[in-house]
């Protein structure tokens, strides 16, 4: 993670949270209704950079849909 002038930083959201992006085998989304959705990588046992980026895009879309439907507060 590189600090830039003006307080901007450059890097991944994983860098900011101290999460190790290696070894992620599944992503679990739990809803208030008790339902859950399990996302697993298609190309191997663990997420690679591309699949992790695609999962993040999907989660961003899901969050937007939930906000529009009134299911999540901003």
PDB file of N, CA and C in Angstrom:
ATOM      1  N   UNK A   1       0.857  -1.156   0.000  1.00  0.00           N
ATOM      2  CA  UNK A   1       0.000   0.000   0.000  1.00  0.00           C
ATOM      3  C   UNK A   1       0.908   1.224   0.000  1.00  0.00           C
ATOM      4  N   UNK A   2       0.684   2.121  -0.935  1.00  0.00           N
ATOM      5  CA  UNK A   2       1.520   3.309  -1.054  1.00  0.00           C
ATOM      6  C   UNK A   2       0.710   4.548  -0.726  1.00  0.00           C
ATOM      7  N   UNK A   3       1.223   5.359   0.170  1.00  0.00           N
ATOM      8  CA  UNK A   3       0.577   6.626   0.544  1.00  0.00           C
ATOM      9  C   UNK A   3       0.910   7.658  -0.526  1.00  0.00           C
ATOM     10  N   UNK A   4      -0.094   8.397  -0.958  1.00  0.00           N
ATOM     11  CA  UNK A   4       0.102   9.443  -1.947  1.00  0.00           C
ATOM     12  C   UNK A   4      -0.121  10.796  -1.284  1.00  0.00           C
ATOM     13  N   UNK A   5       0.331  11.844  -1.944  1.00  0.00           N
ATOM     14  CA  UNK A   5       0.102  13.186  -1.400  1.00  0.00           C
ATOM     15  C   UNK A   5      -1.389  13.478  -1.378  1.00  0.00           C
ATOM     16  N   UNK A   6      -1.820  14.252  -0.411  1.00  0.00           N
ATOM     17  CA  UNK A   6      -3.225  14.584  -0.307  1.00  0.00           C
ATOM     18  C   UNK A   6      -4.021  13.544   0.453  1.00  0.00           C
ATOM     19  N   UNK A   7      -3.343  12.593   1.088  1.00  0.00           N
ATOM     20  CA  UNK A   7      -4.027  11.590   1.890  1.00  0.00           C
ATOM     21  C   UNK A   7      -4.595  10.426   1.097  1.00  0.00           C
ATOM     22  N   UNK A   8      -4.400  10.393  -0.219  1.00  0.00           N
ATOM     23  CA  UNK A   8      -4.890   9.280  -1.022  1.00  0.00           C
ATOM     24  C   UNK A   8      -3.934   8.102  -0.875  1.00  0.00           C
ATOM     25  N   UNK A   9      -4.469   6.909  -0.908  1.00  0.00           N
ATOM     26  CA  UNK A   9      -3.613   5.742  -0.893  1.00  0.00           C
ATOM     27  C   UNK A   9      -3.928   4.892  -2.101  1.00  0.00           C
ATOM     28  N   UNK A  10      -2.974   4.091  -2.490  1.00  0.00           N
ATOM     29  CA  UNK A  10      -3.132   3.226  -3.643  1.00  0.00           C
ATOM     30  C   UNK A  10      -2.907   1.805  -3.184  1.00  0.00           C
ATOM     31  N   UNK A  11      -3.839   0.941  -3.504  1.00  0.00           N
ATOM     32  CA  UNK A  11      -3.717  -0.452  -3.124  1.00  0.00           C
ATOM     33  C   UNK A  11      -5.071  -1.120  -3.167  1.00  0.00           C
ATOM     34  N   UNK A  12      -5.124  -2.287  -2.648  1.00  0.00           N
ATOM     35  CA  UNK A  12      -6.341  -3.088  -2.619  1.00  0.00           C
ATOM     36  C   UNK A  12      -7.082  -2.864  -1.309  1.00  0.00           C
ATOM     37  N   UNK A  13      -8.410  -2.989  -1.306  1.00  0.00           N
ATOM     38  CA  UNK A  13      -9.140  -2.942  -0.033  1.00  0.00           C
ATOM     39  C   UNK A  13      -8.645  -4.014   0.950  1.00  0.00           C
ATOM     40  N   UNK A  14      -8.107  -5.098   0.432  1.00  0.00           N
ATOM     41  CA  UNK A  14      -7.557  -6.137   1.299  1.00  0.00           C
ATOM     42  C   UNK A  14      -6.331  -5.621   2.041  1.00  0.00           C
ATOM     43  N   UNK A  15      -5.561  -4.720   1.404  1.00  0.00           N
ATOM     44  CA  UNK A  15      -4.392  -4.136   2.061  1.00  0.00           C
ATOM     45  C   UNK A  15      -4.799  -3.301   3.267  1.00  0.00           C
ATOM     46  N   UNK A  16      -5.858  -2.528   3.117  1.00  0.00           N
ATOM     47  CA  UNK A  16      -6.302  -1.625   4.189  1.00  0.00           C
ATOM     48  C   UNK A  16      -6.826  -2.395   5.397  1.00  0.00           C
ATOM     49  N   UNK A  17      -7.461  -3.528   5.169  1.00  0.00           N
ATOM     50  CA  UNK A  17      -8.062  -4.275   6.262  1.00  0.00           C
ATOM     51  C   UNK A  17      -7.145  -5.310   6.879  1.00  0.00           C
ATOM     52  N   UNK A  18      -5.956  -5.485   6.328  1.00  0.00           N
ATOM     53  CA  UNK A  18      -5.035  -6.468   6.874  1.00  0.00           C
ATOM     54  C   UNK A  18      -5.451  -7.900   6.570  1.00  0.00           C
ATOM     55  N   UNK A  19      -6.255  -8.104   5.527  1.00  0.00           N
ATOM     56  CA  UNK A  19      -6.709  -9.439   5.158  1.00  0.00           C
ATOM     57  C   UNK A  19      -5.718 -10.038   4.165  1.00  0.00           C
ATOM     58  N   UNK A  20      -5.325 -11.265   4.391  1.00  0.00           N
ATOM     59  CA  UNK A  20      -4.433 -11.967   3.484  1.00  0.00           C
ATOM     60  C   UNK A  20      -5.262 -12.512   2.322  1.00  0.00           C
ATOM     61  N   UNK A  21      -5.034 -12.050   1.070  1.00  0.00           N
ATOM     62  CA  UNK A  21      -5.850 -12.496  -0.050  1.00  0.00           C
ATOM     63  C   UNK A  21      -5.538 -13.918  -0.514  1.00  0.00           C
ATOM     64  N   UNK A  22      -4.500 -14.527   0.033  1.00  0.00           N
ATOM     65  CA  UNK A  22      -4.147 -15.881  -0.380  1.00  0.00           C
ATOM     66  C   UNK A  22      -4.854 -16.884   0.518  1.00  0.00           C
ATOM     67  N   UNK A  23      -5.308 -17.959  -0.064  1.00  0.00           N
ATOM     68  CA  UNK A  23      -5.932 -19.014   0.718  1.00  0.00           C
ATOM     69  C   UNK A  23      -7.432 -18.864   0.886  1.00  0.00           C
ATOM     70  N   UNK A  24      -8.064 -17.921   0.170  1.00  0.00           N
ATOM     71  CA  UNK A  24      -9.517 -17.767   0.261  1.00  0.00           C
ATOM     72  C   UNK A  24     -10.158 -18.871  -0.563  1.00  0.00           C
ATOM     73  N   UNK A  25     -10.915 -19.724   0.104  1.00  0.00           N
ATOM     74  CA  UNK A  25     -11.527 -20.869  -0.558  1.00  0.00           C
ATOM     75  C   UNK A  25     -13.005 -20.675  -0.846  1.00  0.00           C
ATOM     76  N   UNK A  26     -13.667 -19.819  -0.076  1.00  0.00           N
ATOM     77  CA  UNK A  26     -15.068 -19.531  -0.328  1.00  0.00           C
ATOM     78  C   UNK A  26     -15.448 -18.206   0.329  1.00  0.00           C
ATOM     79  N   UNK A  27     -16.498 -17.616  -0.213  1.00  0.00           N
ATOM     80  CA  UNK A  27     -17.050 -16.385   0.339  1.00  0.00           C
ATOM     81  C   UNK A  27     -18.497 -16.695   0.690  1.00  0.00           C
ATOM     82  N   UNK A  28     -18.872 -16.437   1.930  1.00  0.00           N
ATOM     83  CA  UNK A  28     -20.221 -16.741   2.387  1.00  0.00           C
ATOM     84  C   UNK A  28     -20.964 -15.440   2.649  1.00  0.00           C
ATOM     85  N   UNK A  29     -22.131 -15.300   2.022  1.00  0.00           N
ATOM     86  CA  UNK A  29     -23.001 -14.145   2.232  1.00  0.00           C
ATOM     87  C   UNK A  29     -24.197 -14.646   3.034  1.00  0.00           C
ATOM     88  N   UNK A  30     -24.376 -14.088   4.228  1.00  0.00           N
ATOM     89  CA  UNK A  30     -25.502 -14.466   5.080  1.00  0.00           C
ATOM     90  C   UNK A  30     -26.518 -13.328   5.090  1.00  0.00           C
ATOM     91  N   UNK A  31     -27.775 -13.663   4.819  1.00  0.00           N
ATOM     92  CA  UNK A  31     -28.848 -12.680   4.798  1.00  0.00           C
ATOM     93  C   UNK A  31     -29.592 -12.692   6.125  1.00  0.00           C
ATOM     94  N   UNK A  32     -30.300 -11.600   6.409  1.00  0.00           N
ATOM     95  CA  UNK A  32     -31.075 -11.494   7.648  1.00  0.00           C
ATOM     96  C   UNK A  32     -32.162 -12.559   7.742  1.00  0.00           C
ATOM     97  N   UNK A  33     -32.591 -13.083   6.609  1.00  0.00           N
ATOM     98  CA  UNK A  33     -33.646 -14.101   6.587  1.00  0.00           C
ATOM     99  C   UNK A  33     -33.149 -15.470   7.020  1.00  0.00           C
ATOM    100  N   UNK A  34     -31.833 -15.591   7.180  1.00  0.00           N
ATOM    101  CA  UNK A  34     -31.247 -16.881   7.533  1.00  0.00           C
ATOM    102  C   UNK A  34     -30.702 -17.621   6.326  1.00  0.00           C
ATOM    103  N   UNK A  35     -31.032 -17.147   5.122  1.00  0.00           N
ATOM    104  CA  UNK A  35     -30.495 -17.749   3.896  1.00  0.00           C
ATOM    105  C   UNK A  35     -29.028 -17.383   3.764  1.00  0.00           C
ATOM    106  N   UNK A  36     -28.305 -18.209   3.050  1.00  0.00           N
ATOM    107  CA  UNK A  36     -26.904 -17.893   2.769  1.00  0.00           C
ATOM    108  C   UNK A  36     -26.555 -18.297   1.358  1.00  0.00           C
ATOM    109  N   UNK A  37     -25.571 -17.613   0.815  1.00  0.00           N
ATOM    110  CA  UNK A  37     -25.069 -17.873  -0.521  1.00  0.00           C
ATOM    111  C   UNK A  37     -23.571 -18.121  -0.387  1.00  0.00           C
ATOM    112  N   UNK A  38     -23.094 -19.218  -0.945  1.00  0.00           N
ATOM    113  CA  UNK A  38     -21.681 -19.568  -0.858  1.00  0.00           C
ATOM    114  C   UNK A  38     -21.066 -19.449  -2.245  1.00  0.00           C
ATOM    115  N   UNK A  39     -20.066 -18.596  -2.358  1.00  0.00           N
ATOM    116  CA  UNK A  39     -19.355 -18.399  -3.617  1.00  0.00           C
ATOM    117  C   UNK A  39     -18.041 -19.159  -3.549  1.00  0.00           C
ATOM    118  N   UNK A  40     -17.797 -19.995  -4.558  1.00  0.00           N
ATOM    119  CA  UNK A  40     -16.546 -20.769  -4.619  1.00  0.00           C
ATOM    120  C   UNK A  40     -15.853 -20.488  -5.944  1.00  0.00           C
ATOM    121  N   UNK A  41     -14.524 -20.533  -5.959  1.00  0.00           N
ATOM    122  CA  UNK A  41     -13.796 -20.290  -7.210  1.00  0.00           C
ATOM    123  C   UNK A  41     -14.032 -21.418  -8.208  1.00  0.00           C
ATOM    124  N   UNK A  42     -14.039 -21.066  -9.483  1.00  0.00           N
ATOM    125  CA  UNK A  42     -14.263 -22.071 -10.533  1.00  0.00           C
ATOM    126  C   UNK A  42     -12.970 -22.686 -11.058  1.00  0.00           C
ATOM    127  N   UNK A  43     -11.867 -21.934 -10.951  1.00  0.00           N
ATOM    128  CA  UNK A  43     -10.631 -22.391 -11.593  1.00  0.00           C
ATOM    129  C   UNK A  43      -9.692 -23.181 -10.697  1.00  0.00           C
ATOM    130  N   UNK A  44     -10.017 -23.328  -9.439  1.00  0.00           N
ATOM    131  CA  UNK A  44      -9.141 -24.057  -8.532  1.00  0.00           C
ATOM    132  C   UNK A  44      -9.736 -24.132  -7.149  1.00  0.00           C
ATOM    133  N   UNK A  45      -8.909 -24.516  -6.191  1.00  0.00           N
ATOM    134  CA  UNK A  45      -9.371 -24.638  -4.814  1.00  0.00           C
ATOM    135  C   UNK A  45      -9.419 -23.298  -4.090  1.00  0.00           C
ATOM    136  N   UNK A  46      -8.618 -22.336  -4.548  1.00  0.00           N
ATOM    137  CA  UNK A  46      -8.541 -21.034  -3.901  1.00  0.00           C
ATOM    138  C   UNK A  46      -8.774 -19.939  -4.935  1.00  0.00           C
ATOM    139  N   UNK A  47      -9.255 -18.790  -4.455  1.00  0.00           N
ATOM    140  CA  UNK A  47      -9.476 -17.653  -5.345  1.00  0.00           C
ATOM    141  C   UNK A  47      -8.157 -17.088  -5.839  1.00  0.00           C
ATOM    142  N   UNK A  48      -8.109 -16.805  -7.125  1.00  0.00           N
ATOM    143  CA  UNK A  48      -6.999 -16.071  -7.707  1.00  0.00           C
ATOM    144  C   UNK A  48      -7.408 -14.607  -7.813  1.00  0.00           C
ATOM    145  N   UNK A  49      -6.505 -13.772  -8.275  1.00  0.00           N
ATOM    146  CA  UNK A  49      -6.752 -12.334  -8.341  1.00  0.00           C
ATOM    147  C   UNK A  49      -7.966 -12.009  -9.214  1.00  0.00           C
ATOM    148  N   UNK A  50      -8.075 -12.621 -10.378  1.00  0.00           N
ATOM    149  CA  UNK A  50      -9.177 -12.313 -11.293  1.00  0.00           C
ATOM    150  C   UNK A  50     -10.516 -12.728 -10.695  1.00  0.00           C
ATOM    151  N   UNK A  51     -10.585 -13.943 -10.172  1.00  0.00           N
ATOM    152  CA  UNK A  51     -11.843 -14.419  -9.587  1.00  0.00           C
ATOM    153  C   UNK A  51     -12.224 -13.607  -8.352  1.00  0.00           C
ATOM    154  N   UNK A  52     -11.251 -13.177  -7.586  1.00  0.00           N
ATOM    155  CA  UNK A  52     -11.514 -12.346  -6.415  1.00  0.00           C
ATOM    156  C   UNK A  52     -12.071 -10.995  -6.851  1.00  0.00           C
ATOM    157  N   UNK A  53     -11.529 -10.448  -7.935  1.00  0.00           N
ATOM    158  CA  UNK A  53     -12.032  -9.181  -8.459  1.00  0.00           C
ATOM    159  C   UNK A  53     -13.456  -9.354  -8.973  1.00  0.00           C
ATOM    160  N   UNK A  54     -13.750 -10.460  -9.627  1.00  0.00           N
ATOM    161  CA  UNK A  54     -15.098 -10.724 -10.119  1.00  0.00           C
ATOM    162  C   UNK A  54     -16.085 -10.905  -8.965  1.00  0.00           C
ATOM    163  N   UNK A  55     -15.661 -11.577  -7.906  1.00  0.00           N
ATOM    164  CA  UNK A  55     -16.514 -11.750  -6.725  1.00  0.00           C
ATOM    165  C   UNK A  55     -16.811 -10.394  -6.089  1.00  0.00           C
ATOM    166  N   UNK A  56     -15.813  -9.515  -6.053  1.00  0.00           N
ATOM    167  CA  UNK A  56     -16.008  -8.179  -5.496  1.00  0.00           C
ATOM    168  C   UNK A  56     -17.005  -7.388  -6.329  1.00  0.00           C
ATOM    169  N   UNK A  57     -16.936  -7.508  -7.640  1.00  0.00           N
ATOM    170  CA  UNK A  57     -17.893  -6.823  -8.513  1.00  0.00           C
ATOM    171  C   UNK A  57     -19.304  -7.355  -8.266  1.00  0.00           C
ATOM    172  N   UNK A  58     -19.440  -8.660  -8.116  1.00  0.00           N
ATOM    173  CA  UNK A  58     -20.742  -9.263  -7.832  1.00  0.00           C
ATOM    174  C   UNK A  58     -21.287  -8.767  -6.490  1.00  0.00           C
ATOM    175  N   UNK A  59     -20.440  -8.740  -5.473  1.00  0.00           N
ATOM    176  CA  UNK A  59     -20.873  -8.276  -4.152  1.00  0.00           C
ATOM    177  C   UNK A  59     -21.265  -6.803  -4.180  1.00  0.00           C
ATOM    178  N   UNK A  60     -20.573  -5.996  -4.974  1.00  0.00           N
ATOM    179  CA  UNK A  60     -20.939  -4.594  -5.132  1.00  0.00           C
ATOM    180  C   UNK A  60     -22.304  -4.440  -5.778  1.00  0.00           C
ATOM    181  N   UNK A  61     -22.574  -5.252  -6.786  1.00  0.00           N
ATOM    182  CA  UNK A  61     -23.879  -5.247  -7.445  1.00  0.00           C
ATOM    183  C   UNK A  61     -24.965  -5.704  -6.484  1.00  0.00           C
ATOM    184  N   UNK A  62     -24.688  -6.744  -5.740  1.00  0.00           N
ATOM    185  CA  UNK A  62     -25.641  -7.263  -4.756  1.00  0.00           C
ATOM    186  C   UNK A  62     -25.963  -6.206  -3.701  1.00  0.00           C
ATOM    187  N   UNK A  63     -24.948  -5.512  -3.202  1.00  0.00           N
ATOM    188  CA  UNK A  63     -25.155  -4.460  -2.202  1.00  0.00           C
ATOM    189  C   UNK A  63     -26.004  -3.334  -2.776  1.00  0.00           C
ATOM    190  N   UNK A  64     -25.762  -2.959  -4.017  1.00  0.00           N
ATOM    191  CA  UNK A  64     -26.556  -1.919  -4.672  1.00  0.00           C
ATOM    192  C   UNK A  64     -28.014  -2.319  -4.804  1.00  0.00           C
ATOM    193  N   UNK A  65     -28.255  -3.563  -5.181  1.00  0.00           N
ATOM    194  CA  UNK A  65     -29.629  -4.062  -5.306  1.00  0.00           C
ATOM    195  C   UNK A  65     -30.330  -4.079  -3.948  1.00  0.00           C
ATOM    196  N   UNK A  66     -29.629  -4.480  -2.922  1.00  0.00           N
ATOM    197  CA  UNK A  66     -30.222  -4.506  -1.580  1.00  0.00           C
ATOM    198  C   UNK A  66     -30.543  -3.087  -1.104  1.00  0.00           C
ATOM    199  N   UNK A  67     -29.672  -2.126  -1.410  1.00  0.00           N
ATOM    200  CA  UNK A  67     -29.932  -0.741  -1.029  1.00  0.00           C
ATOM    201  C   UNK A  67     -31.166  -0.213  -1.731  1.00  0.00           C
ATOM    202  N   UNK A  68     -31.288  -0.502  -3.047  1.00  0.00           N
ATOM    203  CA  UNK A  68     -32.431  -0.027  -3.818  1.00  0.00           C
ATOM    204  C   UNK A  68     -33.747  -0.642  -3.328  1.00  0.00           C
ATOM    205  N   UNK A  69     -33.677  -1.878  -2.880  1.00  0.00           N
ATOM    206  CA  UNK A  69     -34.893  -2.554  -2.414  1.00  0.00           C
ATOM    207  C   UNK A  69     -35.220  -2.226  -0.960  1.00  0.00           C
ATOM    208  N   UNK A  70     -34.324  -1.481  -0.306  1.00  0.00           N
ATOM    209  CA  UNK A  70     -34.570  -1.108   1.092  1.00  0.00           C
ATOM    210  C   UNK A  70     -34.088  -2.146   2.088  1.00  0.00           C
ATOM    211  N   UNK A  71     -33.303  -3.124   1.627  1.00  0.00           N
ATOM    212  CA  UNK A  71     -32.832  -4.184   2.512  1.00  0.00           C
ATOM    213  C   UNK A  71     -31.591  -3.839   3.304  1.00  0.00           C
ATOM    214  N   UNK A  72     -30.864  -2.785   2.908  1.00  0.00           N
ATOM    215  CA  UNK A  72     -29.612  -2.421   3.569  1.00  0.00           C
ATOM    216  C   UNK A  72     -29.558  -0.911   3.692  1.00  0.00           C
ATOM    217  N   UNK A  73     -29.144  -0.424   4.848  1.00  0.00           N
ATOM    218  CA  UNK A  73     -28.958   1.022   4.996  1.00  0.00           C
ATOM    219  C   UNK A  73     -27.557   1.396   4.529  1.00  0.00           C
ATOM    220  N   UNK A  74     -27.393   2.586   3.943  1.00  0.00           N
ATOM    221  CA  UNK A  74     -26.082   2.987   3.390  1.00  0.00           C
ATOM    222  C   UNK A  74     -25.010   3.138   4.420  1.00  0.00           C
TER     223      UNK A  74
END
